[in-house]
C-alpha atoms as a PDB file:
ATOM      1  CA  MET A   1     218.174 175.579 233.941  1.00  0.00           C
ATOM      2  CA  ALA A   2     217.964 173.494 236.833  1.00  0.00           C
ATOM      3  CA  LEU A   3     218.275 174.176 240.576  1.00  0.00           C
ATOM      4  CA  THR A   4     221.596 173.110 242.279  1.00  0.00           C
ATOM      5  CA  PRO A   5     220.487 170.556 245.143  1.00  0.00           C
ATOM      6  CA  ASP A   6     221.218 173.238 247.786  1.00  0.00           C
ATOM      7  CA  GLN A   7     218.845 175.589 246.110  1.00  0.00           C
ATOM      8  CA  GLU A   8     216.221 173.014 246.005  1.00  0.00           C
ATOM      9  CA  GLU A   9     216.829 172.305 249.965  1.00  0.00           C
ATOM     10  CA  VAL A  10     216.207 176.203 250.413  1.00  0.00           C
ATOM     11  CA  LYS A  11     212.832 176.157 248.503  1.00  0.00           C
ATOM     12  CA  SER A  12     211.985 172.909 250.568  1.00  0.00           C
ATOM     13  CA  GLU A  13     212.771 174.547 253.604  1.00  0.00           C
ATOM     14  CA  SER A  14     210.961 178.156 252.744  1.00  0.00           C
ATOM     15  CA  GLU A  15     207.943 175.896 252.477  1.00  0.00           C
ATOM     16  CA  ARG A  16     208.458 174.379 255.881  1.00  0.00           C
ATOM     17  CA  SER A  17     209.359 177.903 257.594  1.00  0.00           C
ATOM     18  CA  GLN A  18     206.041 179.011 256.200  1.00  0.00           C
ATOM     19  CA  GLU A  19     204.014 176.071 257.798  1.00  0.00           C
ATOM     20  CA  ASP A  20     205.847 176.728 260.811  1.00  0.00           C
ATOM     21  CA  LEU A  21     204.691 180.504 260.664  1.00  0.00           C
ATOM     22  CA  VAL A  22     201.127 179.366 260.561  1.00  0.00           C
ATOM     23  CA  ALA A  23     201.459 177.150 263.761  1.00  0.00           C
ATOM     24  CA  LEU A  24     203.350 180.214 265.420  1.00  0.00           C
ATOM     25  CA  ASP A  25     200.496 181.852 264.450  1.00  0.00           C
ATOM     26  CA  ARG A  26     198.048 179.673 265.922  1.00  0.00           C
ATOM     27  CA  GLN A  27     199.923 179.040 269.134  1.00  0.00           C
ATOM     28  CA  ASN A  28     199.968 183.236 269.378  1.00  0.00           C
ATOM     29  CA  ARG A  29     196.257 183.673 269.246  1.00  0.00           C
ATOM     30  CA  SER A  30     195.721 180.590 271.649  1.00  0.00           C
ATOM     31  CA  GLN A  31     197.832 181.944 273.906  1.00  0.00           C
ATOM     32  CA  LEU A  32     196.360 185.718 273.808  1.00  0.00           C
ATOM     33  CA  VAL A  33     192.851 183.922 274.502  1.00  0.00           C
ATOM     34  CA  ALA A  34     194.119 181.959 277.098  1.00  0.00           C
ATOM     35  CA  LEU A  35     195.822 185.142 278.659  1.00  0.00           C
ATOM     36  CA  TYR A  36     192.621 187.368 278.332  1.00  0.00           C
ATOM     37  CA  ASP A  37     190.390 184.825 279.739  1.00  0.00           C
ATOM     38  CA  ARG A  38     192.755 184.308 283.147  1.00  0.00           C
ATOM     39  CA  ALA A  39     192.504 188.474 283.240  1.00  0.00           C
ATOM     40  CA  ILE A  40     188.773 188.817 283.134  1.00  0.00           C
ATOM     41  CA  GLY A  41     188.662 185.765 285.265  1.00  0.00           C
ATOM     42  CA  GLU A  42     190.869 187.829 287.756  1.00  0.00           C
ATOM     43  CA  MET A  43     188.881 191.185 287.239  1.00  0.00           C
ATOM     44  CA  ARG A  44     185.640 189.120 288.030  1.00  0.00           C
ATOM     45  CA  GLY A  45     187.020 188.336 291.270  1.00  0.00           C
ATOM     46  CA  ARG A  46     187.921 191.808 291.947  1.00  0.00           C
ATOM     47  CA  ILE A  47     184.737 192.914 291.174  1.00  0.00           C
ATOM     48  CA  MET A  48     182.889 189.998 293.274  1.00  0.00           C
ATOM     49  CA  ALA A  49     185.003 191.074 296.189  1.00  0.00           C
ATOM     50  CA  ILE A  50     184.544 194.296 296.306  1.00  0.00           C
ATOM     51  CA  ALA A  51     180.564 193.785 296.147  1.00  0.00           C
ATOM     52  CA  GLY A  52     180.998 191.303 299.312  1.00  0.00           C
ATOM     53  CA  ALA A  53     177.647 190.169 301.102  1.00  0.00           C
ATOM     54  CA  ARG A  54     175.409 192.928 300.086  1.00  0.00           C
ATOM     55  CA  ASN A  55     176.182 191.920 296.312  1.00  0.00           C
ATOM     56  CA  SER A  56     176.482 195.626 295.584  1.00  0.00           C
ATOM     57  CA  ILE A  57     178.937 197.905 294.444  1.00  0.00           C
ATOM     58  CA  GLN A  58     178.939 200.739 296.609  1.00  0.00           C
ATOM     59  CA  THR A  59     180.177 204.411 294.886  1.00  0.00           C
ATOM     60  CA  GLU A  60     182.442 204.687 297.568  1.00  0.00           C
ATOM     61  CA  ALA A  61     184.500 201.999 296.613  1.00  0.00           C
ATOM     62  CA  LEU A  62     184.407 202.618 292.954  1.00  0.00           C
ATOM     63  CA  ALA A  63     188.157 204.034 293.180  1.00  0.00           C
ATOM     64  CA  VAL A  64     189.389 201.199 294.715  1.00  0.00           C
ATOM     65  CA  LEU A  65     188.029 198.782 292.489  1.00  0.00           C
ATOM     66  CA  ILE A  66     189.106 200.741 289.206  1.00  0.00           C
ATOM     67  CA  GLN A  67     192.431 200.574 290.881  1.00  0.00           C
ATOM     68  CA  GLN A  68     192.352 197.113 291.006  1.00  0.00           C
ATOM     69  CA  LEU A  69     190.956 196.488 287.595  1.00  0.00           C
ATOM     70  CA  ASP A  70     193.932 198.873 285.957  1.00  0.00           C
ATOM     71  CA  ASN A  71     196.343 197.019 287.737  1.00  0.00           C
ATOM     72  CA  GLU A  72     194.962 193.715 286.370  1.00  0.00           C
ATOM     73  CA  LEU A  73     194.955 195.414 283.020  1.00  0.00           C
ATOM     74  CA  GLN A  74     198.722 196.336 283.646  1.00  0.00           C
ATOM     75  CA  LYS A  75     199.813 192.790 283.809  1.00  0.00           C
ATOM     76  CA  LEU A  76     198.034 191.964 281.133  1.00  0.00           C
ATOM     77  CA  ALA A  77     199.285 194.189 278.786  1.00  0.00           C
ATOM     78  CA  GLN A  78     203.062 192.973 280.231  1.00  0.00           C
ATOM     79  CA  ALA A  79     202.316 189.277 279.308  1.00  0.00           C
ATOM     80  CA  ARG A  80     201.080 190.379 275.857  1.00  0.00           C
ATOM     81  CA  ASN A  81     203.992 192.279 275.410  1.00  0.00           C
ATOM     82  CA  LYS A  82     206.061 189.028 276.071  1.00  0.00           C
ATOM     83  CA  ILE A  83     204.179 187.233 273.489  1.00  0.00           C
ATOM     84  CA  LEU A  84     204.505 189.681 271.219  1.00  0.00           C
ATOM     85  CA  ASP A  85     208.181 189.985 271.634  1.00  0.00           C
ATOM     86  CA  ASP A  86     208.810 186.653 271.538  1.00  0.00           C
ATOM     87  CA  GLY A  87     206.441 185.889 268.409  1.00  0.00           C
ATOM     88  CA  ILE A  88     208.466 188.591 266.545  1.00  0.00           C
ATOM     89  CA  ALA A  89     211.858 186.827 267.184  1.00  0.00           C
ATOM     90  CA  ALA A  90     210.285 183.312 266.927  1.00  0.00           C
ATOM     91  CA  ALA A  91     209.322 184.722 263.411  1.00  0.00           C
ATOM     92  CA  ALA A  92     212.687 186.185 262.273  1.00  0.00           C
ATOM     93  CA  ASP A  93     214.047 182.768 263.353  1.00  0.00           C
ATOM     94  CA  LEU A  94     212.104 181.243 261.088  1.00  0.00           C
ATOM     95  CA  GLY A  95     212.203 183.699 257.925  1.00  0.00           C
ATOM     96  CA  ALA A  96     216.230 183.583 258.123  1.00  0.00           C
ATOM     97  CA  ARG A  97     216.158 179.819 258.771  1.00  0.00           C
ATOM     98  CA  PRO A  98     216.075 178.372 254.997  1.00  0.00           C
ATOM     99  CA  PHE A  99     219.334 179.906 253.875  1.00  0.00           C
ATOM    100  CA  GLY A 100     221.438 178.449 256.530  1.00  0.00           C
ATOM    101  CA  GLN A 101     223.828 176.531 254.525  1.00  0.00           C
ATOM    102  CA  ARG A 102     223.738 179.058 251.627  1.00  0.00           C
ATOM    103  CA  ILE A 103     225.006 182.314 253.344  1.00  0.00           C
ATOM    104  CA  GLY A 104     226.295 181.087 256.953  1.00  0.00           C
ATOM    105  CA  ALA A 105     225.404 181.713 260.218  1.00  0.00           C
ATOM    106  CA  THR A 106     226.567 185.248 260.213  1.00  0.00           C
ATOM    107  CA  ALA A 107     224.206 186.269 257.449  1.00  0.00           C
ATOM    108  CA  VAL A 108     221.570 184.572 258.907  1.00  0.00           C
ATOM    109  CA  PHE A 109     222.001 186.157 262.397  1.00  0.00           C
ATOM    110  CA  ASN A 110     222.135 189.499 260.797  1.00  0.00           C
ATOM    111  CA  ALA A 111     219.147 189.010 258.458  1.00  0.00           C
ATOM    112  CA  ARG A 112     217.149 187.951 262.017  1.00  0.00           C
ATOM    113  CA  SER A 113     218.637 191.138 263.875  1.00  0.00           C
ATOM    114  CA  ALA A 114     217.752 193.580 261.341  1.00  0.00           C
ATOM    115  CA  ALA A 115     214.083 192.101 260.954  1.00  0.00           C
ATOM    116  CA  ILE A 116     213.480 192.471 264.624  1.00  0.00           C
ATOM    117  CA  GLU A 117     215.040 196.091 264.382  1.00  0.00           C
ATOM    118  CA  ARG A 118     212.918 197.007 261.509  1.00  0.00           C
ATOM    119  CA  VAL A 119     209.415 195.898 262.700  1.00  0.00           C
ATOM    120  CA  ARG A 120     210.331 197.815 266.057  1.00  0.00           C
ATOM    121  CA  THR A 121     211.386 201.289 263.711  1.00  0.00           C
ATOM    122  CA  PHE A 122     208.749 200.488 260.704  1.00  0.00           C
ATOM    123  CA  GLN A 123     205.890 203.507 260.643  1.00  0.00           C
ATOM    124  CA  ASP A 124     202.460 202.644 258.969  1.00  0.00           C
ATOM    125  CA  PRO A 125     200.675 204.904 256.531  1.00  0.00           C
ATOM    126  CA  SER A 126     199.398 206.801 259.452  1.00  0.00           C
ATOM    127  CA  GLY A 127     202.650 207.543 260.539  1.00  0.00           C
ATOM    128  CA  LEU A 128     202.296 205.069 263.914  1.00  0.00           C
ATOM    129  CA  ARG A 129     204.950 202.903 264.886  1.00  0.00           C
ATOM    130  CA  LEU A 130     204.399 199.040 267.025  1.00  0.00           C
ATOM    131  CA  SER A 131     204.962 201.105 270.212  1.00  0.00           C
ATOM    132  CA  ASP A 132     202.135 203.318 269.226  1.00  0.00           C
ATOM    133  CA  ARG A 133     199.999 200.981 268.398  1.00  0.00           C
ATOM    134  CA  ILE A 134     200.612 199.212 271.701  1.00  0.00           C
ATOM    135  CA  TRP A 135     199.995 202.519 273.424  1.00  0.00           C
ATOM    136  CA  ARG A 136     196.579 202.855 271.601  1.00  0.00           C
ATOM    137  CA  LEU A 137     195.861 199.286 272.522  1.00  0.00           C
ATOM    138  CA  ASP A 138     196.287 199.807 275.956  1.00  0.00           C
ATOM    139  CA  ARG A 139     194.383 203.495 276.423  1.00  0.00           C
ATOM    140  CA  ARG A 140     191.321 201.471 274.178  1.00  0.00           C
ATOM    141  CA  ALA A 141     191.132 198.841 277.078  1.00  0.00           C
ATOM    142  CA  ASP A 142     191.733 201.303 279.890  1.00  0.00           C
ATOM    143  CA  ASP A 143     189.008 203.865 278.603  1.00  0.00           C
ATOM    144  CA  ILE A 144     186.514 200.604 278.132  1.00  0.00           C
ATOM    145  CA  LEU A 145     187.122 199.599 282.002  1.00  0.00           C
ATOM    146  CA  ARG A 146     186.532 203.309 283.239  1.00  0.00           C
ATOM    147  CA  THR A 147     183.755 204.530 281.196  1.00  0.00           C
ATOM    148  CA  GLN A 148     182.014 200.957 281.397  1.00  0.00           C
ATOM    149  CA  VAL A 149     182.396 200.063 285.040  1.00  0.00           C
ATOM    150  CA  GLN A 150     182.009 203.465 286.431  1.00  0.00           C
ATOM    151  CA  ALA A 151     178.538 204.234 284.462  1.00  0.00           C
ATOM    152  CA  ALA A 152     176.987 200.885 285.170  1.00  0.00           C
ATOM    153  CA  VAL A 153     177.842 201.819 289.219  1.00  0.00           C
ATOM    154  CA  ALA A 154     176.703 205.090 288.676  1.00  0.00           C
ATOM    155  CA  ARG A 155     173.734 204.537 287.237  1.00  0.00           C
ATOM    156  CA  GLY A 156     173.104 201.587 289.512  1.00  0.00           C
ATOM    157  CA  ASP A 157     173.498 203.859 292.340  1.00  0.00           C
ATOM    158  CA  GLY A 158     171.126 206.635 291.626  1.00  0.00           C
ATOM    159  CA  ALA A 159     168.654 203.860 290.522  1.00  0.00           C
ATOM    160  CA  ALA A 160     168.519 202.277 293.966  1.00  0.00           C
ATOM    161  CA  LYS A 161     168.342 205.391 295.726  1.00  0.00           C
ATOM    162  CA  ALA A 162     165.680 206.493 293.470  1.00  0.00           C
ATOM    163  CA  ALA A 163     163.830 203.061 293.870  1.00  0.00           C
ATOM    164  CA  LEU A 164     164.150 203.264 297.840  1.00  0.00           C
ATOM    165  CA  GLU A 165     162.197 206.548 297.286  1.00  0.00           C
ATOM    166  CA  PHE A 166     159.336 204.831 295.579  1.00  0.00           C
ATOM    167  CA  VAL A 167     159.230 202.141 298.259  1.00  0.00           C
ATOM    168  CA  GLN A 168     158.999 204.448 300.984  1.00  0.00           C
ATOM    169  CA  ARG A 169     156.150 205.975 299.565  1.00  0.00           C
ATOM    170  CA  GLY A 170     154.326 202.961 298.990  1.00  0.00           C
ATOM    171  CA  VAL A 171     154.612 203.516 295.338  1.00  0.00           C
ATOM    172  CA  PRO A 172     155.803 200.726 292.530  1.00  0.00           C
ATOM    173  CA  VAL A 173     159.076 200.832 291.539  1.00  0.00           C
ATOM    174  CA  PRO A 174     159.289 201.635 287.406  1.00  0.00           C
ATOM    175  CA  PRO A 175     160.546 198.704 285.571  1.00  0.00           C
ATOM    176  CA  GLU A 176     163.335 200.783 283.958  1.00  0.00           C
ATOM    177  CA  LEU A 177     164.658 201.922 287.677  1.00  0.00           C
ATOM    178  CA  ASP A 178     164.420 198.162 288.585  1.00  0.00           C
ATOM    179  CA  MET A 179     166.799 197.575 285.146  1.00  0.00           C
ATOM    180  CA  ALA A 180     169.053 200.274 285.877  1.00  0.00           C
ATOM    181  CA  ALA A 181     169.842 198.796 289.756  1.00  0.00           C
ATOM    182  CA  ARG A 182     170.334 195.264 287.930  1.00  0.00           C
ATOM    183  CA  ALA A 183     172.945 196.611 285.793  1.00  0.00           C
ATOM    184  CA  ALA A 184     175.049 197.743 288.801  1.00  0.00           C
ATOM    185  CA  ARG A 185     174.961 194.087 289.871  1.00  0.00           C
ATOM    186  CA  PRO A 186     178.349 193.054 290.583  1.00  0.00           C
ATOM    187  CA  GLU A 187     178.098 189.754 288.175  1.00  0.00           C
ATOM    188  CA  GLN A 188     176.515 191.966 285.529  1.00  0.00           C
ATOM    189  CA  VAL A 189     179.342 194.405 285.557  1.00  0.00           C
ATOM    190  CA  ALA A 190     181.800 191.726 285.403  1.00  0.00           C
ATOM    191  CA  GLU A 191     179.937 190.166 282.339  1.00  0.00           C
ATOM    192  CA  GLY A 192     179.485 193.499 280.293  1.00  0.00           C
ATOM    193  CA  LEU A 193     183.554 194.511 281.164  1.00  0.00           C
ATOM    194  CA  ALA A 194     184.382 191.153 279.941  1.00  0.00           C
ATOM    195  CA  SER A 195     181.945 191.082 276.370  1.00  0.00           C
ATOM    196  CA  SER A 196     183.557 194.468 276.153  1.00  0.00           C
ATOM    197  CA  LEU A 197     187.520 193.545 276.340  1.00  0.00           C
ATOM    198  CA  SER A 198     187.124 189.998 274.493  1.00  0.00           C
ATOM    199  CA  SER A 199     183.831 189.815 272.263  1.00  0.00           C
ATOM    200  CA  GLY A 200     181.934 193.372 271.534  1.00  0.00           C
ATOM    201  CA  PRO A 201     182.742 195.190 268.198  1.00  0.00           C
ATOM    202  CA  GLY A 202     186.298 196.375 268.091  1.00  0.00           C
ATOM    203  CA  ASN A 203     187.329 194.758 271.540  1.00  0.00           C
ATOM    204  CA  PRO A 204     190.887 194.929 272.653  1.00  0.00           C
ATOM    205  CA  LEU A 205     191.620 191.174 272.027  1.00  0.00           C
ATOM    206  CA  ASP A 206     190.753 191.021 268.518  1.00  0.00           C
ATOM    207  CA  ASN A 207     192.495 194.312 267.929  1.00  0.00           C
ATOM    208  CA  THR A 208     195.988 192.830 269.556  1.00  0.00           C
ATOM    209  CA  MET A 209     195.888 189.870 267.627  1.00  0.00           C
ATOM    210  CA  ARG A 210     195.582 191.663 264.554  1.00  0.00           C
ATOM    211  CA  VAL A 211     198.452 193.458 265.838  1.00  0.00           C
ATOM    212  CA  LEU A 212     200.094 190.528 266.544  1.00  0.00           C
ATOM    213  CA  ARG A 213     199.507 188.685 263.195  1.00  0.00           C
ATOM    214  CA  THR A 214     200.575 191.528 261.384  1.00  0.00           C
ATOM    215  CA  GLU A 215     204.185 192.294 262.981  1.00  0.00           C
ATOM    216  CA  VAL A 216     204.617 188.273 263.367  1.00  0.00           C
ATOM    217  CA  ASN A 217     204.700 188.343 259.420  1.00  0.00           C
ATOM    218  CA  ARG A 218     206.487 191.334 258.718  1.00  0.00           C
ATOM    219  CA  ALA A 219     209.318 190.058 261.099  1.00  0.00           C
ATOM    220  CA  HIS A 220     209.634 186.831 259.068  1.00  0.00           C
ATOM    221  CA  THR A 221     208.964 188.561 255.616  1.00  0.00           C
ATOM    222  CA  ILE A 222     211.464 191.104 256.238  1.00  0.00           C
ATOM    223  CA  ALA A 223     213.950 188.263 257.443  1.00  0.00           C
ATOM    224  CA  TYR A 224     213.422 186.209 255.045  1.00  0.00           C
ATOM    225  CA  GLN A 225     214.247 188.952 252.132  1.00  0.00           C
ATOM    226  CA  GLY A 226     217.336 189.875 253.877  1.00  0.00           C
ATOM    227  CA  ALA A 227     218.701 186.309 253.888  1.00  0.00           C
ATOM    228  CA  ALA A 228     217.904 185.957 250.381  1.00  0.00           C
ATOM    229  CA  ALA A 229     218.991 188.906 249.440  1.00  0.00           C
ATOM    230  CA  ALA A 230     222.606 187.599 251.078  1.00  0.00           C
ATOM    231  CA  ASP A 231     222.270 184.737 248.551  1.00  0.00           C
ATOM    232  CA  LEU A 232     224.183 185.941 245.526  1.00  0.00           C
ATOM    233  CA  ASP A 233     222.882 183.519 242.817  1.00  0.00           C
ATOM    234  CA  THR A 234     219.137 184.997 243.923  1.00  0.00           C
ATOM    235  CA  ILE A 235     217.576 187.655 241.901  1.00  0.00           C
ATOM    236  CA  GLY A 236     214.464 188.593 244.065  1.00  0.00           C
ATOM    237  CA  THR A 237     211.273 186.765 245.964  1.00  0.00           C
ATOM    238  CA  LYS A 238     207.836 186.012 244.206  1.00  0.00           C
ATOM    239  CA  PHE A 239     204.931 187.028 246.248  1.00  0.00           C
ATOM    240  CA  MET A 240     202.569 184.136 246.630  1.00  0.00           C
ATOM    241  CA  LEU A 241     198.899 184.509 247.756  1.00  0.00           C
ATOM    242  CA  SER A 242     197.863 182.852 250.860  1.00  0.00           C
ATOM    243  CA  PRO A 243     195.820 178.852 249.911  1.00  0.00           C
ATOM    244  CA  ARG A 244     193.003 180.987 252.667  1.00  0.00           C
ATOM    245  CA  HIS A 245     192.919 184.297 250.327  1.00  0.00           C
ATOM    246  CA  PRO A 246     189.018 184.658 250.712  1.00  0.00           C
ATOM    247  CA  ARG A 247     188.554 187.333 248.085  1.00  0.00           C
ATOM    248  CA  VAL A 248     190.421 189.555 245.090  1.00  0.00           C
ATOM    249  CA  ASP A 249     192.266 192.645 246.429  1.00  0.00           C
ATOM    250  CA  ILE A 250     195.687 194.283 245.895  1.00  0.00           C
ATOM    251  CA  CYS A 251     197.162 190.797 246.711  1.00  0.00           C
ATOM    252  CA  ASP A 252     196.193 189.185 243.341  1.00  0.00           C
ATOM    253  CA  MET A 253     198.087 192.245 241.192  1.00  0.00           C
ATOM    254  CA  HIS A 254     201.192 191.737 243.679  1.00  0.00           C
ATOM    255  CA  ALA A 255     200.958 187.813 242.844  1.00  0.00           C
ATOM    256  CA  ARG A 256     200.198 188.329 238.916  1.00  0.00           C
ATOM    257  CA  ALA A 257     201.571 191.262 237.341  1.00  0.00           C
ATOM    258  CA  ASN A 258     205.206 191.113 235.793  1.00  0.00           C
ATOM    259  CA  LEU A 259     206.246 194.418 236.725  1.00  0.00           C
ATOM    260  CA  PHE A 260     210.017 193.572 236.332  1.00  0.00           C
ATOM    261  CA  GLY A 261     210.204 191.238 233.748  1.00  0.00           C
ATOM    262  CA  LEU A 262     211.198 188.691 236.244  1.00  0.00           C
ATOM    263  CA  GLY A 263     207.700 186.519 236.041  1.00  0.00           C
ATOM    264  CA  PRO A 264     204.462 187.220 237.420  1.00  0.00           C
ATOM    265  CA  GLY A 265     204.766 188.112 241.002  1.00  0.00           C
ATOM    266  CA  VAL A 266     208.565 188.293 241.238  1.00  0.00           C
ATOM    267  CA  TYR A 267     210.112 191.217 242.361  1.00  0.00           C
ATOM    268  CA  PRO A 268     214.004 192.400 242.977  1.00  0.00           C
ATOM    269  CA  HIS A 269     215.195 192.580 245.985  1.00  0.00           C
ATOM    270  CA  GLY A 270     214.228 195.648 248.207  1.00  0.00           C
ATOM    271  CA  ARG A 271     211.211 195.900 245.901  1.00  0.00           C
ATOM    272  CA  SER A 272     208.591 193.596 247.445  1.00  0.00           C
ATOM    273  CA  PRO A 273     205.231 194.877 248.041  1.00  0.00           C
ATOM    274  CA  LEU A 274     204.966 192.126 251.312  1.00  0.00           C
ATOM    275  CA  PRO A 275     202.884 192.458 253.651  1.00  0.00           C
ATOM    276  CA  ALA A 276     200.460 194.177 251.324  1.00  0.00           C
ATOM    277  CA  HIS A 277     198.046 194.843 253.836  1.00  0.00           C
ATOM    278  CA  PRO A 278     197.457 193.923 257.919  1.00  0.00           C
ATOM    279  CA  ASN A 279     196.331 191.199 259.348  1.00  0.00           C
ATOM    280  CA  THR A 280     197.601 189.052 256.553  1.00  0.00           C
ATOM    281  CA  LEU A 281     199.911 185.600 256.688  1.00  0.00           C
ATOM    282  CA  SER A 282     201.266 185.788 253.086  1.00  0.00           C
ATOM    283  CA  PHE A 283     204.751 184.790 251.996  1.00  0.00           C
ATOM    284  CA  GLU A 284     206.947 185.023 249.251  1.00  0.00           C
ATOM    285  CA  VAL A 285     209.667 182.429 247.566  1.00  0.00           C
ATOM    286  CA  VAL A 286     213.044 183.187 246.401  1.00  0.00           C
ATOM    287  CA  VAL A 287     213.662 183.393 242.981  1.00  0.00           C
ATOM    288  CA  TYR A 288     217.105 182.209 241.606  1.00  0.00           C
ATOM    289  CA  ARG A 289     218.720 183.829 238.277  1.00  0.00           C
ATOM    290  CA  ASP A 290     218.253 180.773 236.283  1.00  0.00           C
ATOM    291  CA  GLU A 291     214.630 180.598 237.003  1.00  0.00           C
ATOM    292  CA  VAL A 292     213.539 183.638 234.896  1.00  0.00           C
ATOM    293  CA  THR A 293     213.177 182.486 231.364  1.00  0.00           C
ATOM    294  CA  ASP A 294     213.078 184.777 228.299  1.00  0.00           C
ATOM    295  CA  GLU A 295     209.395 184.785 228.135  1.00  0.00           C
ATOM    296  CA  ASP A 296     209.140 186.214 231.674  1.00  0.00           C
ATOM    297  CA  ARG A 297     211.611 189.060 230.391  1.00  0.00           C
ATOM    298  CA  LYS A 298     209.825 189.540 227.110  1.00  0.00           C
ATOM    299  CA  GLY A 299     206.233 189.638 229.612  1.00  0.00           C
ATOM    300  CA  LYS A 300     207.252 192.881 231.363  1.00  0.00           C
ATOM    301  CA  GLN A 301     204.717 195.022 231.812  1.00  0.00           C
ATOM    302  CA  THR A 302     203.258 198.521 233.661  1.00  0.00           C
ATOM    303  CA  VAL A 303     200.893 198.451 236.682  1.00  0.00           C
ATOM    304  CA  VAL A 304     198.188 200.208 233.927  1.00  0.00           C
ATOM    305  CA  ASP A 305     198.793 197.323 231.159  1.00  0.00           C
ATOM    306  CA  PHE A 306     198.396 194.606 234.082  1.00  0.00           C
ATOM    307  CA  LEU A 307     195.154 196.356 234.957  1.00  0.00           C
ATOM    308  CA  LYS A 308     193.602 196.794 231.597  1.00  0.00           C
ATOM    309  CA  THR A 309     193.896 192.535 231.686  1.00  0.00           C
ATOM    310  CA  VAL A 310     191.796 192.475 234.833  1.00  0.00           C
ATOM    311  CA  ALA A 311     188.619 191.973 234.540  1.00  0.00           C
ATOM    312  CA  SER A 312     185.949 194.694 236.147  1.00  0.00           C
ATOM    313  CA  LYS A 313     184.791 192.965 238.560  1.00  0.00           C
ATOM    314  CA  ASP A 314     188.271 192.033 239.889  1.00  0.00           C
ATOM    315  CA  ARG A 315     189.552 195.059 239.296  1.00  0.00           C
ATOM    316  CA  GLN A 316     187.449 196.241 241.859  1.00  0.00           C
ATOM    317  CA  GLY A 317     188.496 194.218 244.228  1.00  0.00           C
ATOM    318  CA  ILE A 318     192.060 195.003 243.620  1.00  0.00           C
ATOM    319  CA  LEU A 319     191.524 198.560 243.544  1.00  0.00           C
ATOM    320  CA  GLY A 320     188.364 199.560 245.266  1.00  0.00           C
ATOM    321  CA  VAL A 321     184.834 200.804 243.761  1.00  0.00           C
ATOM    322  CA  ASN A 322     186.102 204.589 243.100  1.00  0.00           C
ATOM    323  CA  LYS A 323     189.402 204.316 242.214  1.00  0.00           C
ATOM    324  CA  ASN A 324     188.399 201.685 239.649  1.00  0.00           C
ATOM    325  CA  GLU A 325     185.807 204.086 238.107  1.00  0.00           C
ATOM    326  CA  ALA A 326     188.670 206.752 237.899  1.00  0.00           C
ATOM    327  CA  PHE A 327     190.739 203.753 236.363  1.00  0.00           C
ATOM    328  CA  GLU A 328     188.055 203.362 233.880  1.00  0.00           C
ATOM    329  CA  ALA A 329     187.643 207.007 232.760  1.00  0.00           C
ATOM    330  CA  GLY A 330     191.486 207.463 232.423  1.00  0.00           C
ATOM    331  CA  TYR A 331     192.012 209.197 235.663  1.00  0.00           C
ATOM    332  CA  LEU A 332     194.237 206.773 237.879  1.00  0.00           C
ATOM    333  CA  PRO A 333     197.883 207.286 237.374  1.00  0.00           C
ATOM    334  CA  ALA A 334     200.342 204.273 237.971  1.00  0.00           C
ATOM    335  CA  SER A 335     202.004 206.151 240.727  1.00  0.00           C
ATOM    336  CA  GLN A 336     198.519 206.098 243.028  1.00  0.00           C
ATOM    337  CA  VAL A 337     197.486 202.992 241.973  1.00  0.00           C
ATOM    338  CA  ARG A 338     198.127 201.959 246.158  1.00  0.00           C
ATOM    339  CA  SER A 339     196.865 205.368 247.219  1.00  0.00           C
ATOM    340  CA  THR A 340     193.773 205.518 249.270  1.00  0.00           C
ATOM    341  CA  TRP A 341     190.529 206.827 247.385  1.00  0.00           C
ATOM    342  CA  ARG A 342     190.844 209.834 249.813  1.00  0.00           C
ATOM    343  CA  ALA A 343     194.625 210.719 248.321  1.00  0.00           C
ATOM    344  CA  VAL A 344     193.583 210.261 244.611  1.00  0.00           C
ATOM    345  CA  LYS A 345     189.772 212.444 245.234  1.00  0.00           C
ATOM    346  CA  LYS A 346     192.109 215.184 246.226  1.00  0.00           C
ATOM    347  CA  ARG A 347     194.475 214.907 243.521  1.00  0.00           C
ATOM    348  CA  LEU A 348     191.239 215.158 240.880  1.00  0.00           C
ATOM    349  CA  GLU A 349     190.003 217.881 242.862  1.00  0.00           C
ATOM    350  CA  ARG A 350     192.817 219.717 242.371  1.00  0.00           C
ATOM    351  CA  GLN A 351     192.804 219.194 238.542  1.00  0.00           C
ATOM    352  CA  GLN A 352     189.420 220.457 238.341  1.00  0.00           C
ATOM    353  CA  GLU A 353     190.147 223.649 239.902  1.00  0.00           C
ATOM    354  CA  LYS A 354     192.909 224.550 237.521  1.00  0.00           C
END
């Protein structure tokens, strides 16, 4: 049965909402990069000012420098939190927006508000809430600041004193002492700190972008789901792979399996697996009751049924190498398809002990 004009409009508005969220993601990332660039520039200025005309950071000035740099980190955190808060609110608006004509302003507002609150209270598999993850970001940045700056200054100061003794004795300064002394020069300290905060492995900027994208996508998803559920002609939502989906993973199963007899990738309200994993921009689209066919109903399958239809190589992408081996050996039940390999391994070890 064909959709009504207003149902078609919801579908069209859903596409626009997704496009707008992608644009919001780009904007957020651009703002974060600019924010970190400004903060790093301020820190560089603090370091150079402390060094002064001697072009050297003295050990006795270290505590003052650390305090100044820590103040800049706190300003950075405050500005980052505003980007995060604004991004979550904007994403929730975008998620609920497509259903405005179908469910009314009050229901849209409720879906938006519930999504924002859910993002704040959601606990990941490790039991961490958003506030916990933000605290970890701040602690990591503070650890980098203190460890790197203190170590460079202490190492350079010690090397400078040792080098002076060599000079006073008329002995050539060993190259390694000269290198250590150079590491404490203000420009080197500033460059090292900038790299660790924004470009080194596991740097705070990348981790912040990961949290921001994850939570903004979560807000959009939950608001969309809530608004869709308020439309009484709907039956659920369809999981959609991102156009930039790089390789086969658990998302492919979510998008292809017909677990409820509603069609491939279609989930009843409250059963959607989205977001499937962190740092993703995945979407779903509402499904109306009249869109479900007899073929969809007859094609209902279990998780195990679906996995049996998938080639081993692709199934490895969905499950991981170890879990796929367990599946092929008949040791992976449907209840543990989304479990970590560690949890699956523990269960297998317990079974072997019996």
